[in-house]
Amino acid sequence: MSNWTMNWRGDEVARQVMRQVSIPALVDIGLDVEGEAKKQLQPGHGVLTGTLRRSIHAAEADYNFGSDDVSPSGSSPERGGKTVQTDKAVIAVGSGLEYAMAVHQGHHSFGGYHFMTKALNIVKGRVKTHVERHRVK
């Protein structure tokens, strides 16, 4: 019988793949969804001051979007376009504005713009491209 031992590094390899491929691809996907959601909101189609559009952003999964709530104004902060720093394979995209859900889902006789759902459906077709960009070479 031979004297050899196997040094199993499967868990370490899985962590490296998450760090080098999955998480960066997921961050790109989140930023893509963010951008597409913003495109769904235009003057006459969900935009009065631009506050809602500027509030949409990608974030860590446990981000407190409620802390982003501000009153509508032409000078509200742009929250999007920033790379998310995370070590988890989960990302959130949304808005913390109190009225965001009413604009998305609708209310009373208004059917809503469904800007997040439409954005996600658009980006679904590009997921493979995002993953390919980050694959291990």
N, C-alpha and C. Protein backbone atom coordinates (compact mmCIF):
# COMPACT_ATOMS: atom_id res chain seq x y z
N MET A 1 0.83 -1.17 0.00
CA MET A 1 0.00 0.00 0.00
C MET A 1 0.88 1.24 0.00
N SER A 2 0.51 2.22 -0.80
CA SER A 2 1.35 3.42 -0.88
C SER A 2 1.04 4.40 0.25
N ASN A 3 2.06 5.15 0.59
CA ASN A 3 1.91 6.15 1.64
C ASN A 3 1.72 7.52 1.01
N TRP A 4 0.51 7.89 0.82
CA TRP A 4 0.23 9.22 0.29
C TRP A 4 -1.02 9.77 0.96
N THR A 5 -1.10 11.05 0.99
CA THR A 5 -2.28 11.68 1.56
C THR A 5 -2.81 12.69 0.56
N MET A 6 -4.07 12.90 0.64
CA MET A 6 -4.71 13.87 -0.25
C MET A 6 -5.06 15.11 0.57
N ASN A 7 -4.65 16.23 0.07
CA ASN A 7 -4.96 17.50 0.73
C ASN A 7 -6.17 18.10 0.01
N TRP A 8 -7.37 17.80 0.50
CA TRP A 8 -8.61 18.28 -0.12
C TRP A 8 -8.73 19.79 0.07
N ARG A 9 -8.84 20.52 -1.04
CA ARG A 9 -8.97 21.97 -0.98
C ARG A 9 -10.24 22.43 -1.68
N GLY A 10 -11.22 21.56 -1.72
CA GLY A 10 -12.48 21.88 -2.40
C GLY A 10 -13.17 23.11 -1.84
N ASP A 11 -13.22 23.22 -0.52
CA ASP A 11 -13.87 24.38 0.09
C ASP A 11 -13.14 25.67 -0.25
N GLU A 12 -11.82 25.61 -0.21
CA GLU A 12 -11.01 26.79 -0.56
C GLU A 12 -11.22 27.17 -2.02
N VAL A 13 -11.25 26.18 -2.90
CA VAL A 13 -11.47 26.45 -4.33
C VAL A 13 -12.85 27.07 -4.54
N ALA A 14 -13.85 26.54 -3.86
CA ALA A 14 -15.21 27.10 -3.98
C ALA A 14 -15.23 28.55 -3.54
N ARG A 15 -14.54 28.88 -2.44
CA ARG A 15 -14.47 30.28 -1.97
C ARG A 15 -13.78 31.17 -3.00
N GLN A 16 -12.70 30.66 -3.60
CA GLN A 16 -11.99 31.45 -4.61
C GLN A 16 -12.88 31.71 -5.83
N VAL A 17 -13.62 30.71 -6.25
CA VAL A 17 -14.53 30.89 -7.38
C VAL A 17 -15.58 31.94 -7.05
N MET A 18 -16.11 31.89 -5.83
CA MET A 18 -17.09 32.90 -5.41
C MET A 18 -16.48 34.29 -5.46
N ARG A 19 -15.27 34.43 -4.93
CA ARG A 19 -14.61 35.74 -4.89
C ARG A 19 -14.24 36.24 -6.28
N GLN A 20 -13.76 35.35 -7.13
CA GLN A 20 -13.21 35.77 -8.41
C GLN A 20 -14.21 35.75 -9.55
N VAL A 21 -15.27 34.98 -9.45
CA VAL A 21 -16.21 34.84 -10.56
C VAL A 21 -17.63 35.23 -10.15
N SER A 22 -18.21 34.50 -9.25
CA SER A 22 -19.62 34.66 -8.93
C SER A 22 -19.96 36.04 -8.38
N ILE A 23 -19.23 36.50 -7.38
CA ILE A 23 -19.57 37.78 -6.77
C ILE A 23 -19.34 38.94 -7.73
N PRO A 24 -18.19 39.04 -8.42
CA PRO A 24 -18.04 40.15 -9.37
C PRO A 24 -19.09 40.13 -10.48
N ALA A 25 -19.45 38.94 -10.96
CA ALA A 25 -20.49 38.84 -11.99
C ALA A 25 -21.82 39.30 -11.42
N LEU A 26 -22.12 38.91 -10.20
CA LEU A 26 -23.37 39.30 -9.56
C LEU A 26 -23.45 40.81 -9.35
N VAL A 27 -22.33 41.42 -8.97
CA VAL A 27 -22.29 42.88 -8.80
C VAL A 27 -22.56 43.55 -10.15
N ASP A 28 -21.95 43.05 -11.22
CA ASP A 28 -22.22 43.59 -12.56
C ASP A 28 -23.69 43.45 -12.93
N ILE A 29 -24.27 42.31 -12.63
CA ILE A 29 -25.68 42.08 -12.92
C ILE A 29 -26.54 43.07 -12.15
N GLY A 30 -26.22 43.28 -10.88
CA GLY A 30 -26.96 44.25 -10.07
C GLY A 30 -26.89 45.66 -10.64
N LEU A 31 -25.70 46.07 -11.07
CA LEU A 31 -25.55 47.40 -11.67
C LEU A 31 -26.30 47.50 -12.99
N ASP A 32 -26.34 46.40 -13.74
CA ASP A 32 -27.08 46.38 -15.00
C ASP A 32 -28.58 46.52 -14.73
N VAL A 33 -29.10 45.79 -13.73
CA VAL A 33 -30.52 45.91 -13.37
C VAL A 33 -30.81 47.34 -12.93
N GLU A 34 -29.93 47.90 -12.12
CA GLU A 34 -30.08 49.29 -11.67
C GLU A 34 -30.22 50.23 -12.86
N GLY A 35 -29.31 50.13 -13.82
CA GLY A 35 -29.34 51.00 -15.00
C GLY A 35 -30.60 50.83 -15.83
N GLU A 36 -31.01 49.58 -16.02
CA GLU A 36 -32.22 49.34 -16.81
C GLU A 36 -33.47 49.86 -16.09
N ALA A 37 -33.51 49.74 -14.76
CA ALA A 37 -34.65 50.26 -14.00
C ALA A 37 -34.74 51.77 -14.15
N LYS A 38 -33.60 52.44 -14.12
CA LYS A 38 -33.58 53.90 -14.28
C LYS A 38 -34.07 54.30 -15.67
N LYS A 39 -33.73 53.49 -16.67
CA LYS A 39 -34.18 53.78 -18.05
C LYS A 39 -35.69 53.68 -18.19
N GLN A 40 -36.31 52.84 -17.36
CA GLN A 40 -37.76 52.67 -17.42
C GLN A 40 -38.52 53.92 -16.97
N LEU A 41 -37.86 54.74 -16.16
CA LEU A 41 -38.50 55.94 -15.62
C LEU A 41 -38.03 57.17 -16.41
N GLN A 42 -38.94 57.76 -17.12
CA GLN A 42 -38.64 58.94 -17.95
C GLN A 42 -39.70 60.01 -17.68
N PRO A 43 -39.44 61.27 -18.04
CA PRO A 43 -40.47 62.30 -17.88
C PRO A 43 -41.77 61.86 -18.57
N GLY A 44 -42.88 61.98 -17.84
CA GLY A 44 -44.17 61.54 -18.36
C GLY A 44 -44.42 60.07 -18.13
N HIS A 45 -43.42 59.35 -17.66
CA HIS A 45 -43.54 57.92 -17.39
C HIS A 45 -42.84 57.62 -16.07
N GLY A 46 -43.37 58.19 -14.98
CA GLY A 46 -42.82 57.93 -13.66
C GLY A 46 -41.84 58.95 -13.13
N VAL A 47 -41.54 60.00 -13.90
CA VAL A 47 -40.57 60.99 -13.44
C VAL A 47 -41.20 62.38 -13.38
N LEU A 48 -41.18 62.95 -12.17
CA LEU A 48 -41.56 64.35 -12.00
C LEU A 48 -40.33 65.16 -11.62
N THR A 49 -39.62 64.72 -10.57
CA THR A 49 -38.42 65.43 -10.13
C THR A 49 -37.15 64.63 -10.38
N GLY A 50 -37.26 63.34 -10.62
CA GLY A 50 -36.10 62.47 -10.81
C GLY A 50 -35.60 61.82 -9.53
N THR A 51 -36.25 62.13 -8.41
CA THR A 51 -35.81 61.58 -7.13
C THR A 51 -35.88 60.06 -7.12
N LEU A 52 -36.96 59.49 -7.60
CA LEU A 52 -37.09 58.04 -7.62
C LEU A 52 -36.02 57.41 -8.49
N ARG A 53 -35.82 57.94 -9.66
CA ARG A 53 -34.80 57.39 -10.58
C ARG A 53 -33.42 57.44 -9.92
N ARG A 54 -33.08 58.56 -9.30
CA ARG A 54 -31.77 58.70 -8.65
C ARG A 54 -31.63 57.80 -7.42
N SER A 55 -32.75 57.40 -6.84
CA SER A 55 -32.70 56.59 -5.62
C SER A 55 -32.44 55.11 -5.88
N ILE A 56 -32.66 54.64 -7.08
CA ILE A 56 -32.49 53.22 -7.40
C ILE A 56 -31.01 52.88 -7.39
N HIS A 57 -30.66 51.83 -6.65
CA HIS A 57 -29.26 51.43 -6.61
C HIS A 57 -29.10 49.98 -6.16
N ALA A 58 -27.95 49.43 -6.51
CA ALA A 58 -27.58 48.09 -6.07
C ALA A 58 -26.89 48.22 -4.71
N ALA A 59 -27.06 47.20 -3.87
CA ALA A 59 -26.49 47.24 -2.53
C ALA A 59 -26.27 45.83 -2.00
N GLU A 60 -25.60 45.76 -0.86
CA GLU A 60 -25.44 44.48 -0.17
C GLU A 60 -26.82 43.95 0.20
N ALA A 61 -26.92 42.66 0.36
CA ALA A 61 -28.22 42.03 0.63
C ALA A 61 -28.89 42.55 1.90
N ASP A 62 -28.11 42.93 2.90
CA ASP A 62 -28.69 43.39 4.17
C ASP A 62 -28.76 44.92 4.27
N TYR A 63 -28.63 45.60 3.15
CA TYR A 63 -28.67 47.07 3.15
C TYR A 63 -30.05 47.57 3.60
N ASN A 64 -30.09 48.61 4.38
CA ASN A 64 -31.33 49.19 4.87
C ASN A 64 -31.80 50.27 3.88
N PHE A 65 -32.56 49.87 2.88
CA PHE A 65 -33.05 50.82 1.88
C PHE A 65 -33.92 51.91 2.50
N GLY A 66 -34.61 51.60 3.58
CA GLY A 66 -35.48 52.58 4.23
C GLY A 66 -34.74 53.83 4.69
N SER A 67 -33.44 53.70 4.93
CA SER A 67 -32.66 54.85 5.36
C SER A 67 -32.42 55.84 4.23
N ASP A 68 -32.78 55.47 3.00
CA ASP A 68 -32.57 56.33 1.84
C ASP A 68 -33.75 57.27 1.58
N ASP A 69 -34.83 57.13 2.31
CA ASP A 69 -36.05 57.90 2.02
C ASP A 69 -35.79 59.40 2.16
N VAL A 70 -36.10 60.14 1.09
CA VAL A 70 -36.01 61.60 1.07
C VAL A 70 -37.27 62.12 0.37
N SER A 71 -37.55 63.39 0.57
CA SER A 71 -38.68 64.02 -0.11
C SER A 71 -38.31 64.27 -1.56
N PRO A 72 -39.29 64.23 -2.46
CA PRO A 72 -39.01 64.50 -3.87
C PRO A 72 -38.46 65.92 -4.06
N SER A 73 -37.38 66.01 -4.82
CA SER A 73 -36.80 67.31 -5.15
C SER A 73 -35.85 67.13 -6.33
N GLY A 74 -35.53 68.22 -6.96
CA GLY A 74 -34.60 68.16 -8.09
C GLY A 74 -33.16 68.00 -7.66
N SER A 75 -32.89 68.03 -6.36
CA SER A 75 -31.51 67.95 -5.89
C SER A 75 -31.25 66.76 -4.97
N SER A 76 -32.08 65.73 -5.06
CA SER A 76 -31.86 64.55 -4.24
C SER A 76 -30.59 63.84 -4.69
N PRO A 77 -29.95 63.08 -3.79
CA PRO A 77 -28.67 62.45 -4.13
C PRO A 77 -28.81 61.29 -5.13
N GLU A 78 -27.80 61.14 -5.98
CA GLU A 78 -27.70 59.98 -6.87
C GLU A 78 -27.09 58.86 -6.05
N ARG A 79 -27.81 57.78 -5.89
CA ARG A 79 -27.34 56.67 -5.07
C ARG A 79 -26.74 55.53 -5.91
N GLY A 80 -26.97 55.55 -7.20
CA GLY A 80 -26.54 54.44 -8.04
C GLY A 80 -25.16 54.61 -8.62
N GLY A 81 -24.78 53.60 -9.41
CA GLY A 81 -23.52 53.62 -10.15
C GLY A 81 -22.30 53.27 -9.33
N LYS A 82 -22.50 52.81 -8.12
CA LYS A 82 -21.36 52.48 -7.25
C LYS A 82 -21.21 50.97 -7.16
N THR A 83 -19.98 50.50 -7.23
CA THR A 83 -19.70 49.08 -7.10
C THR A 83 -20.02 48.63 -5.68
N VAL A 84 -20.70 47.54 -5.57
CA VAL A 84 -21.09 46.99 -4.27
C VAL A 84 -19.94 46.14 -3.73
N GLN A 85 -19.58 46.39 -2.49
CA GLN A 85 -18.54 45.59 -1.83
C GLN A 85 -19.24 44.53 -0.99
N THR A 86 -19.14 43.29 -1.40
CA THR A 86 -19.80 42.21 -0.66
C THR A 86 -18.98 40.94 -0.76
N ASP A 87 -19.17 40.06 0.19
CA ASP A 87 -18.53 38.75 0.13
C ASP A 87 -19.59 37.66 0.06
N LYS A 88 -20.83 38.06 -0.16
CA LYS A 88 -21.93 37.11 -0.27
C LYS A 88 -22.41 37.04 -1.71
N ALA A 89 -22.96 35.90 -2.08
CA ALA A 89 -23.48 35.71 -3.44
C ALA A 89 -24.93 36.15 -3.51
N VAL A 90 -25.23 37.30 -2.90
CA VAL A 90 -26.57 37.87 -2.91
C VAL A 90 -26.41 39.37 -3.05
N ILE A 91 -27.25 39.97 -3.86
CA ILE A 91 -27.21 41.42 -4.02
C ILE A 91 -28.64 41.92 -4.10
N ALA A 92 -28.86 43.13 -3.65
CA ALA A 92 -30.19 43.74 -3.68
C ALA A 92 -30.17 44.94 -4.61
N VAL A 93 -31.25 45.18 -5.30
CA VAL A 93 -31.40 46.37 -6.14
C VAL A 93 -32.77 46.94 -5.85
N GLY A 94 -32.84 48.22 -5.58
CA GLY A 94 -34.13 48.82 -5.30
C GLY A 94 -34.04 50.27 -4.93
N SER A 95 -35.11 50.76 -4.33
CA SER A 95 -35.22 52.14 -3.89
C SER A 95 -35.79 52.14 -2.48
N GLY A 96 -35.33 53.05 -1.66
CA GLY A 96 -35.85 53.16 -0.31
C GLY A 96 -36.91 54.23 -0.14
N LEU A 97 -37.33 54.84 -1.24
CA LEU A 97 -38.32 55.90 -1.13
C LEU A 97 -39.67 55.33 -0.71
N GLU A 98 -40.34 56.05 0.14
CA GLU A 98 -41.62 55.59 0.67
C GLU A 98 -42.63 55.32 -0.45
N TYR A 99 -42.59 56.10 -1.50
CA TYR A 99 -43.58 55.97 -2.57
C TYR A 99 -43.12 55.09 -3.74
N ALA A 100 -41.94 54.51 -3.66
CA ALA A 100 -41.41 53.72 -4.78
C ALA A 100 -42.31 52.54 -5.14
N MET A 101 -42.80 51.84 -4.13
CA MET A 101 -43.64 50.67 -4.40
C MET A 101 -44.94 51.07 -5.08
N ALA A 102 -45.52 52.20 -4.70
CA ALA A 102 -46.76 52.65 -5.34
C ALA A 102 -46.53 52.98 -6.81
N VAL A 103 -45.38 53.54 -7.13
CA VAL A 103 -45.06 53.84 -8.54
C VAL A 103 -44.78 52.54 -9.29
N HIS A 104 -44.12 51.60 -8.64
CA HIS A 104 -43.82 50.32 -9.27
C HIS A 104 -45.07 49.48 -9.46
N GLN A 105 -45.83 49.25 -8.40
CA GLN A 105 -46.98 48.35 -8.43
C GLN A 105 -48.28 49.00 -8.86
N GLY A 106 -48.37 50.31 -8.67
CA GLY A 106 -49.61 51.01 -8.96
C GLY A 106 -50.46 51.15 -7.72
N HIS A 107 -51.52 51.92 -7.84
CA HIS A 107 -52.45 52.14 -6.74
C HIS A 107 -53.75 52.68 -7.33
N HIS A 108 -54.85 52.41 -6.68
CA HIS A 108 -56.17 52.83 -7.13
C HIS A 108 -56.36 52.50 -8.61
N SER A 109 -56.52 53.49 -9.46
CA SER A 109 -56.74 53.24 -10.89
C SER A 109 -55.44 53.27 -11.70
N PHE A 110 -54.32 53.54 -11.06
CA PHE A 110 -53.01 53.58 -11.74
C PHE A 110 -52.38 52.19 -11.70
N GLY A 111 -52.03 51.66 -12.85
CA GLY A 111 -51.52 50.29 -12.95
C GLY A 111 -50.06 50.11 -12.59
N GLY A 112 -49.31 51.18 -12.41
CA GLY A 112 -47.89 51.08 -12.06
C GLY A 112 -47.00 50.95 -13.28
N TYR A 113 -45.73 51.26 -13.09
CA TYR A 113 -44.76 51.20 -14.18
C TYR A 113 -43.91 49.93 -14.17
N HIS A 114 -43.89 49.19 -13.07
CA HIS A 114 -43.17 47.92 -12.96
C HIS A 114 -41.73 48.04 -13.45
N PHE A 115 -41.09 49.15 -13.08
CA PHE A 115 -39.74 49.45 -13.57
C PHE A 115 -38.69 48.45 -13.13
N MET A 116 -38.81 47.89 -11.92
CA MET A 116 -37.82 46.91 -11.46
C MET A 116 -38.04 45.56 -12.14
N THR A 117 -39.27 45.13 -12.26
CA THR A 117 -39.58 43.85 -12.91
C THR A 117 -39.15 43.87 -14.37
N LYS A 118 -39.46 44.96 -15.06
CA LYS A 118 -39.06 45.08 -16.47
C LYS A 118 -37.54 45.05 -16.60
N ALA A 119 -36.84 45.75 -15.70
CA ALA A 119 -35.38 45.79 -15.75
C ALA A 119 -34.80 44.39 -15.54
N LEU A 120 -35.32 43.67 -14.56
CA LEU A 120 -34.82 42.33 -14.29
C LEU A 120 -35.05 41.41 -15.48
N ASN A 121 -36.20 41.52 -16.12
CA ASN A 121 -36.47 40.69 -17.30
C ASN A 121 -35.53 41.02 -18.46
N ILE A 122 -35.16 42.26 -18.61
CA ILE A 122 -34.21 42.66 -19.66
C ILE A 122 -32.84 42.07 -19.36
N VAL A 123 -32.39 42.20 -18.14
CA VAL A 123 -31.04 41.78 -17.77
C VAL A 123 -30.91 40.26 -17.72
N LYS A 124 -31.98 39.54 -17.48
CA LYS A 124 -31.91 38.07 -17.47
C LYS A 124 -31.25 37.54 -18.73
N GLY A 125 -31.52 38.16 -19.85
CA GLY A 125 -30.92 37.73 -21.11
C GLY A 125 -29.45 38.02 -21.24
N ARG A 126 -28.90 38.81 -20.32
CA ARG A 126 -27.48 39.18 -20.37
C ARG A 126 -26.65 38.53 -19.26
N VAL A 127 -27.26 37.70 -18.44
CA VAL A 127 -26.56 37.10 -17.30
C VAL A 127 -25.35 36.30 -17.79
N LYS A 128 -25.52 35.51 -18.83
CA LYS A 128 -24.42 34.69 -19.34
C LYS A 128 -23.23 35.55 -19.74
N THR A 129 -23.49 36.69 -20.35
CA THR A 129 -22.42 37.61 -20.75
C THR A 129 -21.67 38.13 -19.53
N HIS A 130 -22.39 38.48 -18.48
CA HIS A 130 -21.74 38.95 -17.25
C HIS A 130 -20.87 37.87 -16.64
N VAL A 131 -21.37 36.65 -16.59
CA VAL A 131 -20.61 35.55 -16.01
C VAL A 131 -19.38 35.25 -16.87
N GLU A 132 -19.53 35.24 -18.18
CA GLU A 132 -18.41 34.98 -19.08
C GLU A 132 -17.30 35.99 -18.89
N ARG A 133 -17.67 37.24 -18.66
CA ARG A 133 -16.67 38.32 -18.50
C ARG A 133 -15.78 38.05 -17.29
N HIS A 134 -16.30 37.33 -16.29
CA HIS A 134 -15.55 37.11 -15.07
C HIS A 134 -15.04 35.69 -14.91
N ARG A 135 -15.15 34.89 -15.93
CA ARG A 135 -14.73 33.50 -15.78
C ARG A 135 -13.21 33.41 -15.57
N VAL A 136 -12.80 32.36 -14.92
CA VAL A 136 -11.39 32.12 -14.67
C VAL A 136 -10.74 31.74 -15.99
N LYS A 137 -9.65 32.41 -16.29
CA LYS A 137 -8.95 32.16 -17.58
C LYS A 137 -7.71 31.36 -17.40
